[in-house]
Structures are given as structure tokens and as C-alpha cells.
N, C-alpha and C. Protein backbone atom coordinates (compact mmCIF):
# COMPACT_ATOMS: atom_id res chain seq x y z
N UNK A 1 -13.71 -53.63 33.62
CA UNK A 1 -14.78 -53.42 34.14
C UNK A 1 -15.63 -52.16 33.28
N UNK A 2 -16.92 -52.64 33.04
CA UNK A 2 -17.91 -51.53 32.14
C UNK A 2 -18.72 -50.52 33.50
N UNK A 3 -18.74 -49.50 33.03
CA UNK A 3 -19.15 -48.70 33.50
C UNK A 3 -20.80 -47.32 32.54
N UNK A 4 -21.36 -47.25 34.02
CA UNK A 4 -22.65 -45.90 32.94
C UNK A 4 -21.84 -44.60 33.10
N UNK A 5 -21.64 -44.14 31.48
CA UNK A 5 -21.55 -43.35 31.09
C UNK A 5 -22.49 -42.23 30.81
N UNK A 6 -22.33 -40.74 31.36
CA UNK A 6 -22.88 -39.64 31.41
C UNK A 6 -22.23 -38.30 30.06
N UNK A 7 -22.77 -37.84 28.82
CA UNK A 7 -22.54 -37.19 28.28
C UNK A 7 -23.26 -36.17 27.87
N UNK A 8 -22.51 -34.96 28.29
CA UNK A 8 -22.92 -33.88 28.26
C UNK A 8 -22.18 -32.87 27.11
N UNK A 9 -22.33 -32.30 26.14
CA UNK A 9 -21.83 -31.56 25.53
C UNK A 9 -22.17 -30.31 24.27
N UNK A 10 -21.41 -29.62 24.26
CA UNK A 10 -21.78 -28.50 23.47
C UNK A 10 -22.06 -28.42 22.20
N UNK A 11 -23.27 -28.13 21.70
CA UNK A 11 -23.51 -28.00 20.34
C UNK A 11 -23.55 -28.21 19.05
N UNK A 12 -23.05 -29.19 18.27
CA UNK A 12 -21.55 -29.43 17.27
C UNK A 12 -20.61 -29.53 17.64
N UNK A 13 -20.30 -30.24 18.91
CA UNK A 13 -19.00 -30.46 19.38
C UNK A 13 -18.94 -31.99 19.32
N UNK A 14 -19.57 -33.03 18.68
CA UNK A 14 -20.02 -34.40 18.04
C UNK A 14 -20.30 -35.32 19.35
N UNK A 15 -20.89 -34.48 20.40
CA UNK A 15 -21.07 -35.61 21.93
C UNK A 15 -21.96 -36.98 21.13
N UNK A 16 -23.01 -36.75 20.52
CA UNK A 16 -23.81 -37.65 19.85
C UNK A 16 -23.07 -39.09 19.45
N UNK A 17 -22.27 -38.52 18.39
CA UNK A 17 -21.26 -39.34 17.57
C UNK A 17 -20.34 -40.30 18.40
N UNK A 18 -19.38 -39.60 19.29
CA UNK A 18 -18.72 -40.06 20.09
C UNK A 18 -19.13 -41.18 21.08
N UNK A 19 -20.37 -40.56 21.89
CA UNK A 19 -21.00 -41.41 22.78
C UNK A 19 -21.58 -42.59 21.86
N UNK A 20 -22.41 -42.68 21.05
CA UNK A 20 -22.62 -43.60 20.16
C UNK A 20 -21.61 -44.79 19.84
N UNK A 21 -20.26 -43.92 19.33
CA UNK A 21 -18.96 -44.87 19.01
C UNK A 21 -18.78 -45.78 20.48
N UNK A 22 -18.78 -44.82 21.41
CA UNK A 22 -18.09 -45.60 23.18
C UNK A 22 -19.32 -46.76 23.52
N UNK A 23 -20.49 -46.45 23.63
CA UNK A 23 -21.31 -47.51 23.27
C UNK A 23 -20.79 -48.90 22.65
N UNK A 24 -20.82 -48.45 21.14
CA UNK A 24 -20.83 -49.50 20.15
C UNK A 24 -19.40 -50.49 20.52
N UNK A 25 -18.09 -49.81 21.14
CA UNK A 25 -16.65 -50.33 21.44
C UNK A 25 -16.94 -51.12 22.74
N UNK A 26 -18.08 -50.87 23.91
CA UNK A 26 -18.19 -51.14 24.97
C UNK A 26 -19.25 -52.35 25.18
N UNK A 27 -20.00 -52.46 23.76
CA UNK A 27 -21.51 -53.18 23.65
C UNK A 27 -21.93 -53.07 24.72
N UNK A 28 -22.64 -51.60 24.77
CA UNK A 28 -23.97 -51.81 25.67
C UNK A 28 -24.51 -50.46 25.46
N UNK A 29 -25.76 -50.48 25.86
CA UNK A 29 -26.81 -49.46 24.98
C UNK A 29 -26.05 -48.08 25.21
N UNK A 30 -27.06 -47.56 24.17
CA UNK A 30 -26.84 -46.00 23.88
C UNK A 30 -28.04 -45.26 24.12
N UNK A 31 -28.36 -44.04 25.04
CA UNK A 31 -29.59 -43.87 25.40
C UNK A 31 -29.44 -42.06 25.64
N UNK A 32 -30.08 -41.55 23.84
CA UNK A 32 -30.16 -40.38 23.09
C UNK A 32 -31.04 -39.51 23.62
N UNK A 33 -31.41 -37.96 23.39
CA UNK A 33 -32.47 -37.36 24.04
C UNK A 33 -34.07 -37.76 23.28
N UNK A 34 -33.34 -38.37 22.05
CA UNK A 34 -34.67 -39.21 21.37
C UNK A 34 -35.21 -40.18 22.01
N UNK A 35 -34.65 -41.17 22.76
CA UNK A 35 -35.08 -42.61 23.15
C UNK A 35 -35.67 -41.63 24.45
N UNK A 36 -35.23 -40.52 25.11
CA UNK A 36 -35.76 -40.00 26.00
C UNK A 36 -37.39 -39.06 25.79
N UNK A 37 -37.02 -38.53 24.72
CA UNK A 37 -38.47 -37.80 24.42
C UNK A 37 -39.29 -39.15 24.17
N UNK A 38 -38.97 -40.03 23.59
CA UNK A 38 -40.23 -41.30 23.23
C UNK A 38 -40.49 -41.96 24.28
N UNK A 39 -39.94 -41.73 25.85
CA UNK A 39 -40.12 -42.29 26.64
C UNK A 39 -41.34 -41.21 27.24
N UNK A 40 -41.11 -39.80 27.13
CA UNK A 40 -41.77 -38.91 27.75
C UNK A 40 -43.15 -39.35 27.05
N UNK A 41 -43.12 -39.42 25.78
CA UNK A 41 -44.29 -39.34 25.16
C UNK A 41 -45.20 -40.95 25.18
N UNK A 42 -44.35 -41.64 26.45
CA UNK A 42 -45.18 -43.13 26.09
C UNK A 42 -45.92 -42.56 27.97
N UNK A 43 -45.46 -41.56 28.40
CA UNK A 43 -45.97 -41.81 29.29
C UNK A 43 -47.03 -40.52 29.30
N UNK A 44 -47.58 -40.15 28.31
CA UNK A 44 -48.68 -39.64 28.21
C UNK A 44 -48.95 -38.32 28.70
N UNK A 45 -47.59 -37.83 29.12
CA UNK A 45 -47.34 -36.19 29.22
C UNK A 45 -47.27 -35.18 28.03
N UNK A 46 -46.25 -36.25 26.79
CA UNK A 46 -46.34 -35.08 25.92
C UNK A 46 -46.76 -35.37 24.54
N UNK A 47 -48.14 -35.80 24.67
CA UNK A 47 -48.92 -35.76 23.81
C UNK A 47 -48.55 -35.93 22.50
N UNK A 48 -48.25 -34.50 22.17
CA UNK A 48 -47.94 -33.51 20.75
C UNK A 48 -47.10 -34.33 19.86
N UNK A 49 -46.13 -34.69 20.46
CA UNK A 49 -44.72 -35.09 20.05
C UNK A 49 -44.96 -35.99 19.17
N UNK A 50 -44.39 -35.92 17.92
CA UNK A 50 -44.15 -36.87 16.57
C UNK A 50 -43.54 -37.70 16.92
N UNK A 51 -43.80 -38.80 16.33
CA UNK A 51 -42.51 -39.62 16.36
C UNK A 51 -41.97 -39.66 15.21
N UNK A 52 -40.54 -39.59 15.06
CA UNK A 52 -40.00 -39.41 13.94
C UNK A 52 -38.85 -40.40 13.33
N UNK A 53 -39.04 -41.23 14.56
CA UNK A 53 -37.89 -42.37 14.03
C UNK A 53 -38.43 -44.11 14.79
N UNK A 54 -38.62 -44.70 14.50
CA UNK A 54 -39.02 -46.39 15.18
C UNK A 54 -38.26 -46.35 17.14
N UNK A 55 -38.83 -46.65 17.42
CA UNK A 55 -38.09 -47.01 18.68
C UNK A 55 -38.10 -48.24 19.35
N UNK A 56 -37.51 -48.79 19.78
CA UNK A 56 -37.59 -49.95 20.63
C UNK A 56 -37.51 -49.50 21.94
N UNK A 57 -39.04 -49.62 22.74
CA UNK A 57 -38.96 -49.15 24.26
C UNK A 57 -40.00 -50.03 24.98
N UNK A 58 -40.36 -51.48 23.85
CA UNK A 58 -40.93 -52.37 24.68
C UNK A 58 -40.53 -53.07 25.85
N UNK A 59 -39.40 -53.15 26.29
CA UNK A 59 -38.63 -53.46 27.55
C UNK A 59 -39.71 -52.39 28.50
N UNK A 60 -39.63 -51.37 28.48
CA UNK A 60 -39.83 -50.75 29.54
C UNK A 60 -41.65 -49.59 29.52
N UNK A 61 -42.19 -50.58 28.38
CA UNK A 61 -43.37 -49.76 28.51
C UNK A 61 -43.98 -49.79 29.81
N UNK A 62 -44.33 -51.19 30.38
CA UNK A 62 -45.09 -51.03 31.56
C UNK A 62 -44.51 -50.54 32.56
N UNK A 63 -43.02 -50.07 32.66
CA UNK A 63 -42.73 -48.91 33.59
C UNK A 63 -42.90 -47.96 33.15
N UNK A 64 -43.21 -47.41 31.88
CA UNK A 64 -43.40 -45.86 31.65
C UNK A 64 -44.86 -46.17 32.03
N UNK A 65 -45.80 -46.70 32.03
CA UNK A 65 -46.96 -46.55 32.06
C UNK A 65 -47.43 -46.23 33.50
N UNK A 66 -46.94 -47.33 33.86
CA UNK A 66 -47.72 -46.94 35.21
C UNK A 66 -46.82 -45.92 36.26
N UNK A 67 -45.48 -45.28 35.54
CA UNK A 67 -44.94 -44.27 36.41
C UNK A 67 -46.06 -43.02 35.73
N UNK A 68 -46.29 -43.26 35.13
CA UNK A 68 -46.81 -42.10 34.67
C UNK A 68 -48.86 -41.60 34.46
N UNK A 69 -48.81 -42.61 35.65
CA UNK A 69 -50.33 -42.78 35.99
C UNK A 69 -50.92 -41.02 36.80
N UNK A 70 -49.81 -40.68 37.42
CA UNK A 70 -50.25 -39.46 38.13
C UNK A 70 -50.37 -38.74 36.98
N UNK A 71 -51.52 -37.79 37.40
CA UNK A 71 -51.96 -36.75 36.69
C UNK A 71 -51.54 -35.45 36.49
N UNK A 72 -51.01 -35.06 34.87
CA UNK A 72 -50.45 -34.03 34.93
C UNK A 72 -50.46 -32.84 35.10
N UNK A 73 -51.59 -32.82 35.71
CA UNK A 73 -52.24 -31.35 36.64
C UNK A 73 -51.39 -31.22 38.08
N UNK A 74 -51.22 -32.27 38.77
CA UNK A 74 -50.32 -32.42 39.53
C UNK A 74 -48.86 -31.40 39.82
N UNK A 75 -47.99 -30.82 38.16
CA UNK A 75 -47.27 -30.10 38.18
C UNK A 75 -47.32 -29.10 37.82
N UNK A 76 -46.43 -27.68 37.83
CA UNK A 76 -46.50 -26.54 37.69
C UNK A 76 -46.67 -26.14 36.49
N UNK A 77 -45.93 -27.33 35.26
CA UNK A 77 -45.85 -26.98 34.12
C UNK A 77 -45.42 -28.03 33.50
N UNK A 78 -45.78 -27.80 32.25
CA UNK A 78 -45.38 -29.16 31.92
C UNK A 78 -44.02 -29.38 31.40
N UNK A 79 -42.95 -28.75 31.55
CA UNK A 79 -41.57 -29.10 31.52
C UNK A 79 -41.39 -29.32 33.10
N UNK A 80 -42.35 -29.32 34.08
CA UNK A 80 -41.76 -29.68 35.48
C UNK A 80 -42.42 -31.26 35.50
N UNK A 81 -43.00 -31.83 34.70
CA UNK A 81 -43.86 -33.11 34.51
C UNK A 81 -43.00 -33.76 33.71
N UNK A 82 -42.14 -33.26 32.89
CA UNK A 82 -41.57 -33.70 31.33
C UNK A 82 -40.06 -33.87 32.09
N UNK A 83 -39.75 -32.83 32.99
CA UNK A 83 -38.27 -33.66 33.97
C UNK A 83 -38.10 -34.44 34.87
N UNK A 84 -39.54 -34.22 35.35
CA UNK A 84 -39.53 -35.48 36.12
C UNK A 84 -39.44 -37.21 35.48
N UNK A 85 -40.20 -37.11 34.83
CA UNK A 85 -40.35 -38.51 34.11
C UNK A 85 -39.15 -38.51 33.01
N UNK A 86 -38.69 -37.89 32.86
CA UNK A 86 -37.11 -38.05 32.11
C UNK A 86 -35.83 -38.97 33.40
N UNK A 87 -36.53 -37.75 34.40
CA UNK A 87 -35.26 -38.15 35.70
C UNK A 87 -35.44 -40.20 35.67
N UNK A 88 -36.77 -40.56 35.73
CA UNK A 88 -37.43 -41.50 36.72
C UNK A 88 -36.87 -42.56 35.40
N UNK A 89 -36.63 -42.32 34.12
CA UNK A 89 -36.63 -42.87 33.41
C UNK A 89 -35.16 -42.81 32.98
N UNK A 90 -34.10 -42.28 33.07
CA UNK A 90 -32.65 -42.05 33.31
C UNK A 90 -32.09 -42.86 34.14
N UNK A 91 -33.24 -43.26 35.72
CA UNK A 91 -32.39 -44.27 36.79
C UNK A 91 -32.59 -45.24 36.27
N UNK A 92 -34.11 -45.15 35.83
CA UNK A 92 -34.20 -46.99 35.19
C UNK A 92 -33.46 -47.68 34.40
N UNK A 93 -32.83 -46.54 33.61
CA UNK A 93 -31.96 -47.23 32.60
C UNK A 93 -30.47 -47.31 33.10
N UNK A 94 -29.92 -46.72 33.80
CA UNK A 94 -28.63 -46.81 34.82
C UNK A 94 -28.77 -48.15 35.56
N UNK A 95 -29.65 -48.57 35.92
CA UNK A 95 -30.05 -49.44 37.34
C UNK A 95 -30.38 -50.64 36.46
N UNK A 96 -29.99 -50.80 34.88
CA UNK A 96 -30.54 -52.11 34.19
C UNK A 96 -28.95 -52.55 33.83
N UNK A 97 -27.86 -51.32 34.13
CA UNK A 97 -26.48 -52.17 33.80
C UNK A 97 -26.08 -50.94 33.14
N UNK A 98 -24.54 -51.44 32.34
CA UNK A 98 -23.94 -49.88 31.93
C UNK A 98 -24.33 -49.68 30.60
N UNK A 99 -24.37 -48.47 30.46
CA UNK A 99 -25.65 -47.61 29.43
C UNK A 99 -24.37 -46.27 28.96
N UNK A 100 -24.30 -45.93 28.28
CA UNK A 100 -24.28 -44.71 27.88
C UNK A 100 -25.84 -43.33 27.78
N UNK A 101 -25.64 -42.73 28.42
CA UNK A 101 -26.90 -41.28 28.64
C UNK A 101 -26.36 -40.22 28.07
N UNK A 102 -26.99 -39.79 27.34
CA UNK A 102 -26.71 -38.15 26.19
C UNK A 102 -27.39 -37.41 26.85
N UNK A 103 -26.74 -36.10 27.69
CA UNK A 103 -27.25 -35.08 28.64
C UNK A 103 -28.72 -35.18 29.43
N UNK A 104 -29.35 -33.97 29.28
CA UNK A 104 -30.40 -34.23 30.04
C UNK A 104 -30.36 -34.33 31.71
N UNK A 105 -29.06 -33.48 32.63
CA UNK A 105 -28.58 -33.73 33.85
C UNK A 105 -28.40 -35.48 34.01
N UNK A 106 -28.09 -36.44 33.36
CA UNK A 106 -28.45 -37.43 33.78
C UNK A 106 -27.35 -37.54 34.74
N UNK A 107 -25.55 -36.98 34.77
CA UNK A 107 -24.71 -37.17 35.30
C UNK A 107 -25.47 -36.54 37.25
N UNK A 108 -25.74 -35.64 37.45
CA UNK A 108 -26.23 -34.90 38.39
C UNK A 108 -27.47 -36.12 39.12
N UNK A 109 -28.20 -36.75 38.19
CA UNK A 109 -29.23 -37.71 38.90
C UNK A 109 -28.59 -38.81 39.21
N UNK A 110 -27.52 -39.31 38.55
CA UNK A 110 -26.93 -40.85 38.98
C UNK A 110 -26.21 -40.37 40.26
N UNK A 111 -25.23 -38.83 40.16
CA UNK A 111 -25.15 -38.54 41.47
C UNK A 111 -25.96 -38.46 42.86
N UNK A 112 -27.23 -38.23 42.60
CA UNK A 112 -27.75 -37.74 43.58
C UNK A 112 -28.61 -39.42 44.44
N UNK A 113 -28.72 -40.41 42.87
CA UNK A 113 -29.07 -41.60 43.51
C UNK A 113 -27.85 -42.78 43.79
N UNK A 114 -26.95 -42.16 43.92
CA UNK A 114 -25.50 -42.70 44.32
C UNK A 114 -25.35 -43.81 43.32
N UNK A 115 -25.45 -43.46 42.22
CA UNK A 115 -24.81 -44.63 41.41
C UNK A 115 -23.84 -44.28 40.42
N UNK A 116 -22.59 -44.88 40.61
CA UNK A 116 -21.51 -44.65 39.88
C UNK A 116 -21.24 -44.39 38.73
N UNK A 117 -20.71 -43.66 38.23
CA UNK A 117 -20.80 -43.30 36.55
C UNK A 117 -19.50 -42.44 36.15
N UNK A 118 -19.42 -42.46 35.17
CA UNK A 118 -18.52 -41.54 34.33
C UNK A 118 -18.90 -40.54 33.62
N UNK A 119 -18.67 -39.21 34.11
CA UNK A 119 -19.20 -38.31 34.05
C UNK A 119 -18.34 -37.25 32.80
N UNK A 120 -18.54 -37.37 31.67
CA UNK A 120 -18.10 -36.23 30.61
C UNK A 120 -18.33 -35.44 30.57
N UNK A 121 -17.60 -34.14 29.70
CA UNK A 121 -18.53 -33.19 29.06
C UNK A 121 -17.55 -33.02 27.87
N UNK A 122 -17.62 -32.94 26.83
CA UNK A 122 -16.98 -32.77 25.59
C UNK A 122 -17.15 -31.31 24.89
N UNK A 123 -16.56 -30.77 24.68
CA UNK A 123 -16.69 -28.96 23.97
C UNK A 123 -15.71 -29.01 22.57
N UNK A 124 -15.62 -28.13 21.73
CA UNK A 124 -14.71 -27.84 20.92
C UNK A 124 -14.81 -26.06 20.62
N UNK A 125 -14.06 -25.69 19.55
CA UNK A 125 -13.90 -24.33 19.22
C UNK A 125 -14.94 -24.31 18.39
N UNK A 126 -15.29 -22.58 18.23
CA UNK A 126 -16.51 -22.09 17.45
C UNK A 126 -16.16 -23.06 15.56
N UNK A 127 -15.13 -23.01 15.17
CA UNK A 127 -15.06 -23.26 13.98
C UNK A 127 -14.87 -24.73 13.83
N UNK A 128 -14.74 -25.38 14.56
CA UNK A 128 -14.63 -27.23 14.25
C UNK A 128 -16.71 -27.37 14.67
N UNK A 129 -17.13 -26.60 15.68
CA UNK A 129 -18.57 -27.06 15.97
C UNK A 129 -19.62 -26.30 14.48
N UNK A 130 -19.13 -25.54 13.81
CA UNK A 130 -19.81 -24.65 13.18
C UNK A 130 -19.37 -25.29 11.79
N UNK A 131 -18.40 -26.01 11.41
CA UNK A 131 -18.46 -27.11 10.32
C UNK A 131 -19.31 -28.59 10.35
N UNK A 132 -19.47 -28.53 11.77
CA UNK A 132 -20.11 -30.05 11.96
C UNK A 132 -21.57 -29.75 12.03
N UNK A 133 -22.20 -28.47 12.69
CA UNK A 133 -23.49 -27.61 12.93
C UNK A 133 -23.83 -27.58 11.24
N UNK A 134 -22.78 -27.21 10.59
CA UNK A 134 -23.63 -27.17 8.85
C UNK A 134 -23.91 -28.05 8.32
N UNK A 135 -23.04 -29.35 8.88
CA UNK A 135 -23.72 -30.97 7.67
C UNK A 135 -24.69 -31.11 8.51
N UNK A 136 -25.02 -31.22 10.04
CA UNK A 136 -26.29 -31.32 10.22
C UNK A 136 -27.29 -31.00 10.17
N UNK A 137 -27.35 -29.25 9.19
CA UNK A 137 -28.69 -28.63 8.96
C UNK A 137 -28.36 -27.98 7.49
N UNK A 138 -27.71 -28.50 7.25
CA UNK A 138 -27.50 -28.30 5.36
C UNK A 138 -27.35 -26.67 5.14
N UNK A 139 -26.66 -26.16 5.71
CA UNK A 139 -26.71 -24.32 5.26
C UNK A 139 -24.98 -24.35 5.80
N UNK A 140 -25.10 -23.10 4.99
CA UNK A 140 -23.35 -22.80 5.40
C UNK A 140 -23.79 -21.47 5.63
N UNK A 141 -24.84 -20.66 6.16
CA UNK A 141 -24.93 -19.21 6.84
C UNK A 141 -24.07 -19.17 8.20
N UNK A 142 -23.18 -18.47 8.14
CA UNK A 142 -22.20 -18.37 9.40
C UNK A 142 -23.65 -17.60 10.75
N UNK A 143 -24.14 -16.61 9.97
CA UNK A 143 -25.03 -15.77 10.89
C UNK A 143 -25.88 -17.17 11.19
N UNK A 144 -26.48 -18.03 10.64
CA UNK A 144 -27.83 -18.82 11.23
C UNK A 144 -27.35 -19.45 12.01
N UNK A 145 -25.87 -20.42 11.60
CA UNK A 145 -25.01 -21.36 12.21
C UNK A 145 -24.63 -20.90 13.46
N UNK A 146 -24.40 -19.68 14.05
CA UNK A 146 -23.85 -19.47 15.18
C UNK A 146 -24.93 -18.90 16.06
N UNK A 147 -26.18 -18.38 15.48
CA UNK A 147 -27.31 -18.42 15.93
C UNK A 147 -28.04 -19.19 16.57
N UNK A 148 -27.83 -20.55 16.12
CA UNK A 148 -28.06 -21.84 16.78
C UNK A 148 -27.36 -22.25 17.53
N UNK A 149 -26.18 -22.46 17.33
CA UNK A 149 -25.09 -22.92 18.64
C UNK A 149 -25.12 -21.62 19.25
N UNK A 150 -25.26 -21.04 19.91
CA UNK A 150 -25.29 -19.95 20.76
C UNK A 150 -27.33 -20.30 21.54
N UNK A 151 -27.73 -20.50 20.67
CA UNK A 151 -29.42 -20.82 21.32
C UNK A 151 -29.32 -22.35 21.74
N UNK A 152 -28.60 -23.53 21.29
CA UNK A 152 -29.10 -24.85 21.69
C UNK A 152 -27.70 -24.84 22.92
N UNK A 153 -26.78 -24.38 23.04
CA UNK A 153 -25.93 -23.83 24.33
C UNK A 153 -26.87 -23.17 25.68
N UNK A 154 -27.39 -22.09 25.11
CA UNK A 154 -27.78 -21.39 26.31
C UNK A 154 -29.27 -22.20 26.97
N UNK A 155 -29.95 -22.98 25.62
CA UNK A 155 -30.86 -24.03 26.35
C UNK A 155 -30.67 -24.93 27.51
N UNK A 156 -29.63 -25.87 26.97
CA UNK A 156 -28.60 -26.55 27.44
C UNK A 156 -28.11 -26.07 28.94
N UNK A 157 -27.32 -24.83 28.87
CA UNK A 157 -27.06 -24.12 30.12
C UNK A 157 -28.08 -23.81 31.69
N UNK A 158 -29.11 -23.27 30.84
CA UNK A 158 -30.55 -23.06 31.67
C UNK A 158 -31.10 -24.21 31.86
N UNK A 159 -31.03 -25.00 31.79
CA UNK A 159 -31.82 -26.57 31.96
C UNK A 159 -31.06 -27.14 33.41
N UNK A 160 -29.66 -27.19 32.46
CA UNK A 160 -28.51 -27.85 33.69
C UNK A 160 -28.55 -26.99 34.75
N UNK A 161 -28.56 -25.58 34.62
CA UNK A 161 -28.31 -25.24 36.22
C UNK A 161 -30.29 -24.70 36.69
N UNK A 162 -30.97 -24.98 35.81
CA UNK A 162 -32.13 -24.92 36.75
C UNK A 162 -32.30 -26.44 37.83
N UNK A 163 -31.86 -27.48 37.30
CA UNK A 163 -32.27 -28.53 37.98
C UNK A 163 -31.19 -29.52 38.83
N UNK A 164 -30.14 -28.42 38.52
CA UNK A 164 -29.02 -29.37 39.20
C UNK A 164 -28.55 -28.52 40.23
N UNK A 165 -28.45 -26.91 40.12
CA UNK A 165 -28.29 -25.82 40.55
C UNK A 165 -26.38 -25.53 40.40
N UNK A 166 -26.03 -26.16 39.74
CA UNK A 166 -25.04 -26.17 39.49
C UNK A 166 -24.14 -25.85 37.66
N UNK A 167 -22.92 -25.25 37.13
CA UNK A 167 -23.21 -24.63 35.82
C UNK A 167 -22.68 -25.69 35.48
N UNK A 168 -23.28 -25.66 34.09
CA UNK A 168 -23.43 -26.41 32.79
C UNK A 168 -21.70 -26.17 32.20
N UNK A 169 -20.82 -27.38 32.02
CA UNK A 169 -19.59 -27.31 31.41
C UNK A 169 -18.29 -26.80 32.42
N UNK A 170 -18.56 -26.80 33.57
CA UNK A 170 -17.69 -26.60 34.25
C UNK A 170 -17.27 -27.81 35.14
N UNK A 171 -15.70 -27.72 34.65
CA UNK A 171 -14.99 -29.14 34.63
C UNK A 171 -14.83 -29.88 35.78
N UNK A 172 -15.84 -29.07 37.10
CA UNK A 172 -15.20 -29.82 38.41
C UNK A 172 -16.89 -30.72 38.64
N UNK A 173 -17.60 -30.56 37.56
CA UNK A 173 -18.49 -31.16 37.48
C UNK A 173 -18.41 -32.67 36.82
N UNK A 174 -17.39 -32.80 36.22
CA UNK A 174 -16.95 -33.90 35.30
C UNK A 174 -16.07 -34.71 35.76
N UNK A 175 -15.74 -36.40 35.32
CA UNK A 175 -14.48 -36.72 35.60
C UNK A 175 -13.64 -36.46 34.33
N UNK A 176 -14.13 -36.29 33.10
CA UNK A 176 -13.22 -36.19 31.92
C UNK A 176 -13.84 -34.64 31.46
N UNK A 177 -12.95 -33.59 30.51
CA UNK A 177 -13.67 -32.65 29.93
C UNK A 177 -12.73 -33.07 28.66
N UNK A 178 -13.32 -32.76 26.89
CA UNK A 178 -12.63 -33.69 26.35
C UNK A 178 -12.96 -32.32 25.20
N UNK A 179 -11.64 -31.66 24.78
CA UNK A 179 -11.90 -30.86 23.35
C UNK A 179 -12.17 -31.92 21.92
N UNK A 180 -13.16 -31.56 21.47
CA UNK A 180 -13.13 -32.88 20.55
C UNK A 180 -12.67 -32.16 19.01
N UNK A 181 -12.33 -30.53 19.25
CA UNK A 181 -11.61 -30.04 18.36
C UNK A 181 -10.55 -30.35 17.98
N UNK A 182 -9.68 -30.21 18.95
CA UNK A 182 -8.62 -30.66 19.47
C UNK A 182 -8.05 -32.31 19.27
N UNK A 183 -8.87 -32.95 20.12
CA UNK A 183 -8.23 -34.16 20.23
C UNK A 183 -8.70 -34.66 19.08
N UNK A 184 -10.02 -34.70 18.24
CA UNK A 184 -10.42 -35.39 17.33
C UNK A 184 -11.54 -36.12 17.95
N UNK A 185 -12.43 -37.28 17.47
CA UNK A 185 -13.74 -37.73 17.77
C UNK A 185 -12.98 -39.24 18.15
N UNK A 186 -12.04 -39.87 17.78
CA UNK A 186 -11.99 -41.22 18.07
C UNK A 186 -10.68 -40.88 18.99
N UNK A 187 -9.79 -40.34 19.01
CA UNK A 187 -9.30 -40.67 20.68
C UNK A 187 -10.23 -39.79 21.96
N UNK A 188 -11.20 -39.01 21.71
CA UNK A 188 -12.09 -39.25 22.51
C UNK A 188 -12.97 -40.19 22.93
N UNK A 189 -12.85 -40.99 22.15
CA UNK A 189 -13.91 -42.39 22.65
C UNK A 189 -12.97 -42.78 22.53
N UNK A 190 -11.47 -43.16 22.77
CA UNK A 190 -10.58 -44.38 23.54
C UNK A 190 -10.52 -43.65 25.06
N UNK A 191 -10.35 -42.42 25.45
CA UNK A 191 -10.16 -42.04 26.91
C UNK A 191 -11.09 -42.30 27.46
N UNK A 192 -12.58 -42.11 26.52
CA UNK A 192 -14.01 -42.20 27.40
C UNK A 192 -13.79 -44.04 27.70
N UNK A 193 -13.66 -44.71 26.86
CA UNK A 193 -13.61 -46.08 26.49
C UNK A 193 -12.72 -46.57 27.91
N UNK A 194 -11.40 -45.99 28.01
CA UNK A 194 -10.58 -46.40 28.78
C UNK A 194 -10.97 -46.20 30.42
N UNK A 195 -11.78 -44.87 30.66
CA UNK A 195 -12.11 -44.41 31.93
C UNK A 195 -12.95 -45.46 32.20
N UNK A 196 -14.54 -46.21 31.58
CA UNK A 196 -15.06 -46.53 31.51
C UNK A 196 -14.93 -48.01 31.75
N UNK A 197 -13.62 -48.53 31.42
CA UNK A 197 -12.74 -49.61 31.40
C UNK A 197 -12.12 -50.00 32.87
N UNK A 198 -11.79 -48.94 33.29
CA UNK A 198 -10.39 -48.53 34.92
C UNK A 198 -10.93 -49.21 35.92
N UNK A 199 -10.30 -49.87 36.54
CA UNK A 199 -11.02 -50.60 37.72
C UNK A 199 -10.93 -49.91 38.81
N UNK A 200 -11.90 -49.51 39.51
CA UNK A 200 -11.45 -48.21 40.91
C UNK A 200 -10.78 -48.89 42.13
């Protein structure tokens, strides 16, 4: 039985790659932060976001547009507005059936909505992460890589805490916490797929 899977991850731990492979093996949609950003753009709240790749969001266009007919002036700031839109988008995706959703507090949003999901946190040691980040940004500058890793993780921690009241990365908040540096991507994929197919 396939289930909805949420993946939270440290920067450079390979969460995106692992999540995409899980979705491919299960034959279900994979929603990453770029798709969510496109959803926000479609809402009209984030008009300055530049589209960098082609996205197929046609099936949800009417939903996004009706959702965001509310004036953004209603919100205290743009982050609040974007957060609310992303939450609605995530719930909409989840209601459509099994899928893999990357980041953006999806685990807590689904819990609050009473939607069952397998919630995963992927981490790795700094060495493994630095190697991946180096490849991602095309730099071997150790100081630059360390600063970027710290900045990205701090941002994710702050965002998660602000909107869930919980600690990002705390094993108590997830069904699986996997060390991709020790286990390797392939084994992480197998473990997540097995959890998603397990009978209740």
C-alpha cells in the first residue's frame, strides 16, 4: 500500500535525490520546493519570482488562482502569505493521493490535517555533505561550503520552528531518521520505499 511521504533534510544530505528516486520507484508524484515556489508564483503573492524551469501545474491552476483571490494585504508580511499558500498547496497535493513532498513543514501540515504520512528526516556528517555541496555549487572553497551549509540549515531550522513549534531534525518528529552518509542513497531509498509500502 503506497503512502504519502514527507522528507525533511539537512542541506547536502541528498534529500532531493533520495526523494526523487523514492517517487520513481513507487510511481508517484514528487513535489519539491521548486514546484511549491511555482505554486506560490501562480497565486500572485510572489510576483518577482523568476521562473527558471518549465513546470506543469496546469491541473492545479484554477485551485491556486481561486485560493489566492484574497488580498496579500491581509497578511502581516509576505512570508506569512507565502507560508499559508504553500500549506494549502501541500494539503491539496496530499489529498490527490500518494506522493513524495520535500520540506516546507509538510510533515506537520499533514499531521494537523489528519492525513497519514511517512515522515522522514535525512542527515549526514559534514564531510559527506560538503562533497555533495561542492558538486552542487561548483566550488571547492571549504569556508564557502561550510558557511552555506550552516546558513541553509539555520534557515530550515528557523522556518520549521516558527510554523510548527517543534525542533527541526528531532527524531521524535519523524518515523524514520536516516544517515545518508553512512547508509548511502540506495539503502535510504529502499528503507523509505519499504516503509511506504508497509501495511498498517
